[in-house]
Amino acid sequence: GKVLKVFPERNKVLVEGINFVKKHRRQTRQDRQGGILTVEEPIDLSNVMLVCPRCGQATRVGRTKIEGYRWSVRVCKKCGEIIDKV
């Protein structure tokens, strides 16, 4: 799914269509109906994987030094494609 919102202070992300939770809500007098609501909750940042642009699979990310670049670059662990320059 797509990342909808990032919470850096809590190290969590809200991903579209993932981690639905049922919340039980009591009815109030101010026109709010009670019942069971289905809400998306954020998941931990460590559980999110990057999709490689070349192979199209969810992959871990490695770092490597390449000649001609001053800094290290992120690399797909499955196919070795350079993801972006950091």
PDB file of N, CA and C in Angstrom:
ATOM      1  N   GLY A   1       0.804  -1.185   0.000  1.00  0.00           N
ATOM      2  CA  GLY A   1       0.000   0.000   0.000  1.00  0.00           C
ATOM      3  C   GLY A   1       0.849   1.252   0.000  1.00  0.00           C
ATOM      4  N   LYS A   2       0.195   2.358  -0.102  1.00  0.00           N
ATOM      5  CA  LYS A   2       0.884   3.648  -0.116  1.00  0.00           C
ATOM      6  C   LYS A   2       0.969   4.205   1.296  1.00  0.00           C
ATOM      7  N   VAL A   3       2.070   4.892   1.577  1.00  0.00           N
ATOM      8  CA  VAL A   3       2.250   5.538   2.877  1.00  0.00           C
ATOM      9  C   VAL A   3       1.424   6.820   2.878  1.00  0.00           C
ATOM     10  N   LEU A   4       0.476   6.915   3.810  1.00  0.00           N
ATOM     11  CA  LEU A   4      -0.403   8.076   3.883  1.00  0.00           C
ATOM     12  C   LEU A   4       0.151   9.161   4.798  1.00  0.00           C
ATOM     13  N   LYS A   5       0.752   8.751   5.914  1.00  0.00           N
ATOM     14  CA  LYS A   5       1.250   9.720   6.885  1.00  0.00           C
ATOM     15  C   LYS A   5       2.406   9.103   7.661  1.00  0.00           C
ATOM     16  N   VAL A   6       3.374   9.940   8.030  1.00  0.00           N
ATOM     17  CA  VAL A   6       4.540   9.490   8.789  1.00  0.00           C
ATOM     18  C   VAL A   6       4.531  10.182  10.146  1.00  0.00           C
ATOM     19  N   PHE A   7       4.787   9.414  11.196  1.00  0.00           N
ATOM     20  CA  PHE A   7       4.882   9.938  12.556  1.00  0.00           C
ATOM     21  C   PHE A   7       6.315   9.727  13.046  1.00  0.00           C
ATOM     22  N   PRO A   8       7.252  10.647  12.727  1.00  0.00           N
ATOM     23  CA  PRO A   8       8.661  10.418  13.063  1.00  0.00           C
ATOM     24  C   PRO A   8       8.948  10.393  14.561  1.00  0.00           C
ATOM     25  N   GLU A   9       8.166  11.106  15.361  1.00  0.00           N
ATOM     26  CA  GLU A   9       8.427  11.121  16.797  1.00  0.00           C
ATOM     27  C   GLU A   9       8.076   9.786  17.446  1.00  0.00           C
ATOM     28  N   ARG A  10       7.173   9.011  16.825  1.00  0.00           N
ATOM     29  CA  ARG A  10       6.780   7.703  17.352  1.00  0.00           C
ATOM     30  C   ARG A  10       7.358   6.548  16.537  1.00  0.00           C
ATOM     31  N   ASN A  11       8.107   6.849  15.446  1.00  0.00           N
ATOM     32  CA  ASN A  11       8.660   5.842  14.532  1.00  0.00           C
ATOM     33  C   ASN A  11       7.566   4.940  13.967  1.00  0.00           C
ATOM     34  N   LYS A  12       6.485   5.561  13.490  1.00  0.00           N
ATOM     35  CA  LYS A  12       5.366   4.816  12.919  1.00  0.00           C
ATOM     36  C   LYS A  12       4.939   5.457  11.609  1.00  0.00           C
ATOM     37  N   VAL A  13       4.290   4.644  10.753  1.00  0.00           N
ATOM     38  CA  VAL A  13       3.739   5.136   9.497  1.00  0.00           C
ATOM     39  C   VAL A  13       2.325   4.596   9.335  1.00  0.00           C
ATOM     40  N   LEU A  14       1.488   5.373   8.660  1.00  0.00           N
ATOM     41  CA  LEU A  14       0.128   4.962   8.344  1.00  0.00           C
ATOM     42  C   LEU A  14       0.124   4.524   6.890  1.00  0.00           C
ATOM     43  N   VAL A  15      -0.154   3.230   6.655  1.00  0.00           N
ATOM     44  CA  VAL A  15      -0.121   2.659   5.316  1.00  0.00           C
ATOM     45  C   VAL A  15      -1.547   2.347   4.890  1.00  0.00           C
ATOM     46  N   GLU A  16      -1.868   2.688   3.647  1.00  0.00           N
ATOM     47  CA  GLU A  16      -3.212   2.499   3.111  1.00  0.00           C
ATOM     48  C   GLU A  16      -3.568   1.013   3.051  1.00  0.00           C
ATOM     49  N   GLY A  17      -4.700   0.641   3.657  1.00  0.00           N
ATOM     50  CA  GLY A  17      -5.215  -0.719   3.582  1.00  0.00           C
ATOM     51  C   GLY A  17      -4.547  -1.718   4.509  1.00  0.00           C
ATOM     52  N   ILE A  18      -3.740  -1.251   5.463  1.00  0.00           N
ATOM     53  CA  ILE A  18      -3.017  -2.141   6.371  1.00  0.00           C
ATOM     54  C   ILE A  18      -3.390  -1.801   7.811  1.00  0.00           C
ATOM     55  N   ASN A  19      -3.457  -2.831   8.668  1.00  0.00           N
ATOM     56  CA  ASN A  19      -3.645  -2.693  10.115  1.00  0.00           C
ATOM     57  C   ASN A  19      -4.972  -2.025  10.479  1.00  0.00           C
ATOM     58  N   PHE A  20      -6.072  -2.676  10.111  1.00  0.00           N
ATOM     59  CA  PHE A  20      -7.390  -2.199  10.511  1.00  0.00           C
ATOM     60  C   PHE A  20      -7.698  -2.683  11.923  1.00  0.00           C
ATOM     61  N   VAL A  21      -8.251  -1.784  12.750  1.00  0.00           N
ATOM     62  CA  VAL A  21      -8.581  -2.082  14.137  1.00  0.00           C
ATOM     63  C   VAL A  21     -10.035  -1.702  14.363  1.00  0.00           C
ATOM     64  N   LYS A  22     -10.752  -2.515  15.159  1.00  0.00           N
ATOM     65  CA  LYS A  22     -12.142  -2.197  15.486  1.00  0.00           C
ATOM     66  C   LYS A  22     -12.183  -1.451  16.809  1.00  0.00           C
ATOM     67  N   LYS A  23     -12.818  -0.278  16.785  1.00  0.00           N
ATOM     68  CA  LYS A  23     -12.965   0.552  17.978  1.00  0.00           C
ATOM     69  C   LYS A  23     -14.435   0.547  18.381  1.00  0.00           C
ATOM     70  N   HIS A  24     -14.700   0.343  19.661  1.00  0.00           N
ATOM     71  CA  HIS A  24     -16.062   0.373  20.182  1.00  0.00           C
ATOM     72  C   HIS A  24     -16.326   1.774  20.715  1.00  0.00           C
ATOM     73  N   ARG A  25     -17.344   2.436  20.141  1.00  0.00           N
ATOM     74  CA  ARG A  25     -17.615   3.822  20.490  1.00  0.00           C
ATOM     75  C   ARG A  25     -19.012   3.924  21.109  1.00  0.00           C
ATOM     76  N   ARG A  26     -19.083   4.637  22.218  1.00  0.00           N
ATOM     77  CA  ARG A  26     -20.356   4.847  22.893  1.00  0.00           C
ATOM     78  C   ARG A  26     -21.090   6.022  22.254  1.00  0.00           C
ATOM     79  N   GLN A  27     -22.407   5.932  22.204  1.00  0.00           N
ATOM     80  CA  GLN A  27     -23.215   7.008  21.650  1.00  0.00           C
ATOM     81  C   GLN A  27     -23.200   8.209  22.591  1.00  0.00           C
ATOM     82  N   THR A  28     -23.148   9.419  21.999  1.00  0.00           N
ATOM     83  CA  THR A  28     -23.201  10.642  22.795  1.00  0.00           C
ATOM     84  C   THR A  28     -24.458  11.418  22.430  1.00  0.00           C
ATOM     85  N   ARG A  29     -24.726  12.448  23.177  1.00  0.00           N
ATOM     86  CA  ARG A  29     -25.918  13.251  22.915  1.00  0.00           C
ATOM     87  C   ARG A  29     -25.739  14.182  21.728  1.00  0.00           C
ATOM     88  N   GLN A  30     -24.502  14.484  21.362  1.00  0.00           N
ATOM     89  CA  GLN A  30     -24.250  15.455  20.292  1.00  0.00           C
ATOM     90  C   GLN A  30     -24.238  14.775  18.913  1.00  0.00           C
ATOM     91  N   ASP A  31     -25.247  14.050  18.568  1.00  0.00           N
ATOM     92  CA  ASP A  31     -25.467  13.473  17.237  1.00  0.00           C
ATOM     93  C   ASP A  31     -24.382  12.493  16.795  1.00  0.00           C
ATOM     94  N   ARG A  32     -23.627  11.907  17.708  1.00  0.00           N
ATOM     95  CA  ARG A  32     -22.645  10.909  17.301  1.00  0.00           C
ATOM     96  C   ARG A  32     -23.215   9.536  17.610  1.00  0.00           C
ATOM     97  N   GLN A  33     -23.338   8.719  16.580  1.00  0.00           N
ATOM     98  CA  GLN A  33     -23.925   7.404  16.731  1.00  0.00           C
ATOM     99  C   GLN A  33     -22.886   6.432  17.280  1.00  0.00           C
ATOM    100  N   GLY A  34     -23.295   5.566  18.178  1.00  0.00           N
ATOM    101  CA  GLY A  34     -22.400   4.573  18.746  1.00  0.00           C
ATOM    102  C   GLY A  34     -22.322   3.344  17.866  1.00  0.00           C
ATOM    103  N   GLY A  35     -21.402   2.447  18.214  1.00  0.00           N
ATOM    104  CA  GLY A  35     -21.260   1.209  17.472  1.00  0.00           C
ATOM    105  C   GLY A  35     -19.800   0.810  17.347  1.00  0.00           C
ATOM    106  N   ILE A  36     -19.547  -0.121  16.444  1.00  0.00           N
ATOM    107  CA  ILE A  36     -18.194  -0.605  16.213  1.00  0.00           C
ATOM    108  C   ILE A  36     -17.671   0.034  14.936  1.00  0.00           C
ATOM    109  N   LEU A  37     -16.564   0.783  15.043  1.00  0.00           N
ATOM    110  CA  LEU A  37     -15.955   1.458  13.901  1.00  0.00           C
ATOM    111  C   LEU A  37     -14.677   0.734  13.503  1.00  0.00           C
ATOM    112  N   THR A  38     -14.393   0.682  12.209  1.00  0.00           N
ATOM    113  CA  THR A  38     -13.142   0.122  11.714  1.00  0.00           C
ATOM    114  C   THR A  38     -12.223   1.277  11.349  1.00  0.00           C
ATOM    115  N   VAL A  39     -11.037   1.324  11.971  1.00  0.00           N
ATOM    116  CA  VAL A  39     -10.105   2.437  11.821  1.00  0.00           C
ATOM    117  C   VAL A  39      -8.734   1.886  11.453  1.00  0.00           C
ATOM    118  N   GLU A  40      -8.001   2.619  10.587  1.00  0.00           N
ATOM    119  CA  GLU A  40      -6.623   2.251  10.277  1.00  0.00           C
ATOM    120  C   GLU A  40      -5.705   2.793  11.360  1.00  0.00           C
ATOM    121  N   GLU A  41      -4.803   1.963  11.846  1.00  0.00           N
ATOM    122  CA  GLU A  41      -3.831   2.369  12.854  1.00  0.00           C
ATOM    123  C   GLU A  41      -2.440   2.345  12.236  1.00  0.00           C
ATOM    124  N   PRO A  42      -1.530   3.187  12.715  1.00  0.00           N
ATOM    125  CA  PRO A  42      -0.163   3.170  12.180  1.00  0.00           C
ATOM    126  C   PRO A  42       0.590   1.912  12.599  1.00  0.00           C
ATOM    127  N   ILE A  43       1.563   1.513  11.761  1.00  0.00           N
ATOM    128  CA  ILE A  43       2.420   0.373  12.069  1.00  0.00           C
ATOM    129  C   ILE A  43       3.836   0.876  12.294  1.00  0.00           C
ATOM    130  N   ASP A  44       4.666   0.040  12.898  1.00  0.00           N
ATOM    131  CA  ASP A  44       6.030   0.430  13.197  1.00  0.00           C
ATOM    132  C   ASP A  44       6.828   0.581  11.913  1.00  0.00           C
ATOM    133  N   LEU A  45       7.731   1.534  11.916  1.00  0.00           N
ATOM    134  CA  LEU A  45       8.540   1.843  10.742  1.00  0.00           C
ATOM    135  C   LEU A  45       9.410   0.670  10.315  1.00  0.00           C
ATOM    136  N   SER A  46       9.814  -0.176  11.261  1.00  0.00           N
ATOM    137  CA  SER A  46      10.664  -1.314  10.926  1.00  0.00           C
ATOM    138  C   SER A  46       9.924  -2.384  10.130  1.00  0.00           C
ATOM    139  N   ASN A  47       8.597  -2.347  10.104  1.00  0.00           N
ATOM    140  CA  ASN A  47       7.811  -3.336   9.371  1.00  0.00           C
ATOM    141  C   ASN A  47       7.491  -2.907   7.946  1.00  0.00           C
ATOM    142  N   VAL A  48       8.031  -1.777   7.501  1.00  0.00           N
ATOM    143  CA  VAL A  48       7.765  -1.262   6.160  1.00  0.00           C
ATOM    144  C   VAL A  48       8.969  -1.554   5.278  1.00  0.00           C
ATOM    145  N   MET A  49       8.720  -2.064   4.058  1.00  0.00           N
ATOM    146  CA  MET A  49       9.807  -2.357   3.130  1.00  0.00           C
ATOM    147  C   MET A  49       9.673  -1.486   1.892  1.00  0.00           C
ATOM    148  N   LEU A  50      10.797  -1.224   1.253  1.00  0.00           N
ATOM    149  CA  LEU A  50      10.853  -0.423   0.041  1.00  0.00           C
ATOM    150  C   LEU A  50      10.623  -1.319  -1.173  1.00  0.00           C
ATOM    151  N   VAL A  51       9.942  -0.815  -2.196  1.00  0.00           N
ATOM    152  CA  VAL A  51       9.742  -1.553  -3.438  1.00  0.00           C
ATOM    153  C   VAL A  51      10.797  -1.093  -4.431  1.00  0.00           C
ATOM    154  N   CYS A  52      11.550  -2.047  -4.963  1.00  0.00           N
ATOM    155  CA  CYS A  52      12.624  -1.745  -5.911  1.00  0.00           C
ATOM    156  C   CYS A  52      12.020  -1.286  -7.237  1.00  0.00           C
ATOM    157  N   PRO A  53      12.531  -0.199  -7.835  1.00  0.00           N
ATOM    158  CA  PRO A  53      11.980   0.266  -9.105  1.00  0.00           C
ATOM    159  C   PRO A  53      12.294  -0.667 -10.271  1.00  0.00           C
ATOM    160  N   ARG A  54      13.372  -1.445 -10.186  1.00  0.00           N
ATOM    161  CA  ARG A  54      13.740  -2.326 -11.297  1.00  0.00           C
ATOM    162  C   ARG A  54      13.038  -3.681 -11.232  1.00  0.00           C
ATOM    163  N   CYS A  55      13.141  -4.380 -10.087  1.00  0.00           N
ATOM    164  CA  CYS A  55      12.556  -5.723 -10.008  1.00  0.00           C
ATOM    165  C   CYS A  55      11.113  -5.708  -9.514  1.00  0.00           C
ATOM    166  N   GLY A  56      10.650  -4.600  -8.921  1.00  0.00           N
ATOM    167  CA  GLY A  56       9.259  -4.476  -8.507  1.00  0.00           C
ATOM    168  C   GLY A  56       8.892  -5.287  -7.279  1.00  0.00           C
ATOM    169  N   GLN A  57       9.879  -5.764  -6.515  1.00  0.00           N
ATOM    170  CA  GLN A  57       9.611  -6.567  -5.333  1.00  0.00           C
ATOM    171  C   GLN A  57       9.945  -5.778  -4.072  1.00  0.00           C
ATOM    172  N   ALA A  58       9.280  -6.141  -2.988  1.00  0.00           N
ATOM    173  CA  ALA A  58       9.620  -5.546  -1.698  1.00  0.00           C
ATOM    174  C   ALA A  58      10.979  -6.084  -1.289  1.00  0.00           C
ATOM    175  N   THR A  59      11.876  -5.200  -0.899  1.00  0.00           N
ATOM    176  CA  THR A  59      13.250  -5.612  -0.650  1.00  0.00           C
ATOM    177  C   THR A  59      13.853  -4.881   0.532  1.00  0.00           C
ATOM    178  N   ARG A  60      14.889  -5.491   1.088  1.00  0.00           N
ATOM    179  CA  ARG A  60      15.698  -4.795   2.078  1.00  0.00           C
ATOM    180  C   ARG A  60      16.638  -3.862   1.334  1.00  0.00           C
ATOM    181  N   VAL A  61      17.183  -2.904   2.052  1.00  0.00           N
ATOM    182  CA  VAL A  61      18.052  -1.914   1.425  1.00  0.00           C
ATOM    183  C   VAL A  61      19.440  -2.032   2.033  1.00  0.00           C
ATOM    184  N   GLY A  62      20.453  -2.042   1.161  1.00  0.00           N
ATOM    185  CA  GLY A  62      21.834  -2.049   1.612  1.00  0.00           C
ATOM    186  C   GLY A  62      22.511  -0.754   1.204  1.00  0.00           C
ATOM    187  N   ARG A  63      23.703  -0.537   1.724  1.00  0.00           N
ATOM    188  CA  ARG A  63      24.483   0.646   1.364  1.00  0.00           C
ATOM    189  C   ARG A  63      25.808   0.182   0.801  1.00  0.00           C
ATOM    190  N   THR A  64      26.295   0.885  -0.220  1.00  0.00           N
ATOM    191  CA  THR A  64      27.590   0.572  -0.793  1.00  0.00           C
ATOM    192  C   THR A  64      28.236   1.846  -1.318  1.00  0.00           C
ATOM    193  N   LYS A  65      29.555   1.826  -1.380  1.00  0.00           N
ATOM    194  CA  LYS A  65      30.312   2.950  -1.936  1.00  0.00           C
ATOM    195  C   LYS A  65      30.596   2.641  -3.400  1.00  0.00           C
ATOM    196  N   ILE A  66      30.393   3.631  -4.263  1.00  0.00           N
ATOM    197  CA  ILE A  66      30.644   3.480  -5.693  1.00  0.00           C
ATOM    198  C   ILE A  66      31.606   4.576  -6.113  1.00  0.00           C
ATOM    199  N   GLU A  67      32.539   4.222  -6.994  1.00  0.00           N
ATOM    200  CA  GLU A  67      33.500   5.216  -7.471  1.00  0.00           C
ATOM    201  C   GLU A  67      32.773   6.335  -8.193  1.00  0.00           C
ATOM    202  N   GLY A  68      33.220   7.547  -7.994  1.00  0.00           N
ATOM    203  CA  GLY A  68      32.606   8.700  -8.632  1.00  0.00           C
ATOM    204  C   GLY A  68      31.573   9.393  -7.765  1.00  0.00           C
ATOM    205  N   TYR A  69      31.093   8.702  -6.727  1.00  0.00           N
ATOM    206  CA  TYR A  69      30.140   9.299  -5.800  1.00  0.00           C
ATOM    207  C   TYR A  69      30.858   9.623  -4.505  1.00  0.00           C
ATOM    208  N   ARG A  70      30.494  10.736  -3.917  1.00  0.00           N
ATOM    209  CA  ARG A  70      31.133  11.152  -2.675  1.00  0.00           C
ATOM    210  C   ARG A  70      30.599  10.374  -1.473  1.00  0.00           C
ATOM    211  N   TRP A  71      29.298  10.067  -1.483  1.00  0.00           N
ATOM    212  CA  TRP A  71      28.664   9.363  -0.378  1.00  0.00           C
ATOM    213  C   TRP A  71      28.253   7.964  -0.807  1.00  0.00           C
ATOM    214  N   SER A  72      27.792   7.184   0.155  1.00  0.00           N
ATOM    215  CA  SER A  72      27.311   5.847  -0.165  1.00  0.00           C
ATOM    216  C   SER A  72      25.935   5.944  -0.819  1.00  0.00           C
ATOM    217  N   VAL A  73      25.555   4.901  -1.538  1.00  0.00           N
ATOM    218  CA  VAL A  73      24.262   4.872  -2.217  1.00  0.00           C
ATOM    219  C   VAL A  73      23.447   3.709  -1.662  1.00  0.00           C
ATOM    220  N   ARG A  74      22.122   3.824  -1.753  1.00  0.00           N
ATOM    221  CA  ARG A  74      21.242   2.735  -1.333  1.00  0.00           C
ATOM    222  C   ARG A  74      21.090   1.759  -2.488  1.00  0.00           C
ATOM    223  N   VAL A  75      21.134   0.459  -2.164  1.00  0.00           N
ATOM    224  CA  VAL A  75      21.129  -0.583  -3.184  1.00  0.00           C
ATOM    225  C   VAL A  75      20.088  -1.632  -2.815  1.00  0.00           C
ATOM    226  N   CYS A  76      19.364  -2.136  -3.825  1.00  0.00           N
ATOM    227  CA  CYS A  76      18.411  -3.234  -3.646  1.00  0.00           C
ATOM    228  C   CYS A  76      19.187  -4.503  -3.318  1.00  0.00           C
ATOM    229  N   LYS A  77      18.797  -5.229  -2.270  1.00  0.00           N
ATOM    230  CA  LYS A  77      19.482  -6.451  -1.871  1.00  0.00           C
ATOM    231  C   LYS A  77      19.178  -7.620  -2.814  1.00  0.00           C
ATOM    232  N   LYS A  78      18.074  -7.566  -3.563  1.00  0.00           N
ATOM    233  CA  LYS A  78      17.708  -8.684  -4.428  1.00  0.00           C
ATOM    234  C   LYS A  78      18.348  -8.602  -5.804  1.00  0.00           C
ATOM    235  N   CYS A  79      18.368  -7.403  -6.408  1.00  0.00           N
ATOM    236  CA  CYS A  79      18.890  -7.303  -7.777  1.00  0.00           C
ATOM    237  C   CYS A  79      20.139  -6.435  -7.889  1.00  0.00           C
ATOM    238  N   GLY A  80      20.495  -5.694  -6.839  1.00  0.00           N
ATOM    239  CA  GLY A  80      21.700  -4.872  -6.865  1.00  0.00           C
ATOM    240  C   GLY A  80      21.533  -3.521  -7.527  1.00  0.00           C
ATOM    241  N   GLU A  81      20.327  -3.131  -7.874  1.00  0.00           N
ATOM    242  CA  GLU A  81      20.053  -1.850  -8.524  1.00  0.00           C
ATOM    243  C   GLU A  81      20.250  -0.699  -7.539  1.00  0.00           C
ATOM    244  N   ILE A  82      20.843   0.393  -8.016  1.00  0.00           N
ATOM    245  CA  ILE A  82      20.978   1.589  -7.192  1.00  0.00           C
ATOM    246  C   ILE A  82      19.604   2.239  -7.078  1.00  0.00           C
ATOM    247  N   ILE A  83      19.126   2.422  -5.851  1.00  0.00           N
ATOM    248  CA  ILE A  83      17.794   2.991  -5.639  1.00  0.00           C
ATOM    249  C   ILE A  83      17.855   4.502  -5.723  1.00  0.00           C
ATOM    250  N   ASP A  84      18.749   5.122  -4.994  1.00  0.00           N
ATOM    251  CA  ASP A  84      18.938   6.566  -5.093  1.00  0.00           C
ATOM    252  C   ASP A  84      20.259   6.934  -4.451  1.00  0.00           C
ATOM    253  N   LYS A  85      20.707   8.121  -4.761  1.00  0.00           N
ATOM    254  CA  LYS A  85      21.942   8.617  -4.163  1.00  0.00           C
ATOM    255  C   LYS A  85      21.592   9.329  -2.868  1.00  0.00           C
ATOM    256  N   VAL A  86      22.285   9.008  -1.800  1.00  0.00           N
ATOM    257  CA  VAL A  86      22.019   9.625  -0.497  1.00  0.00           C
ATOM    258  C   VAL A  86      22.996  10.746  -0.267  1.00  0.00           C
TER     259      VAL A  86
END
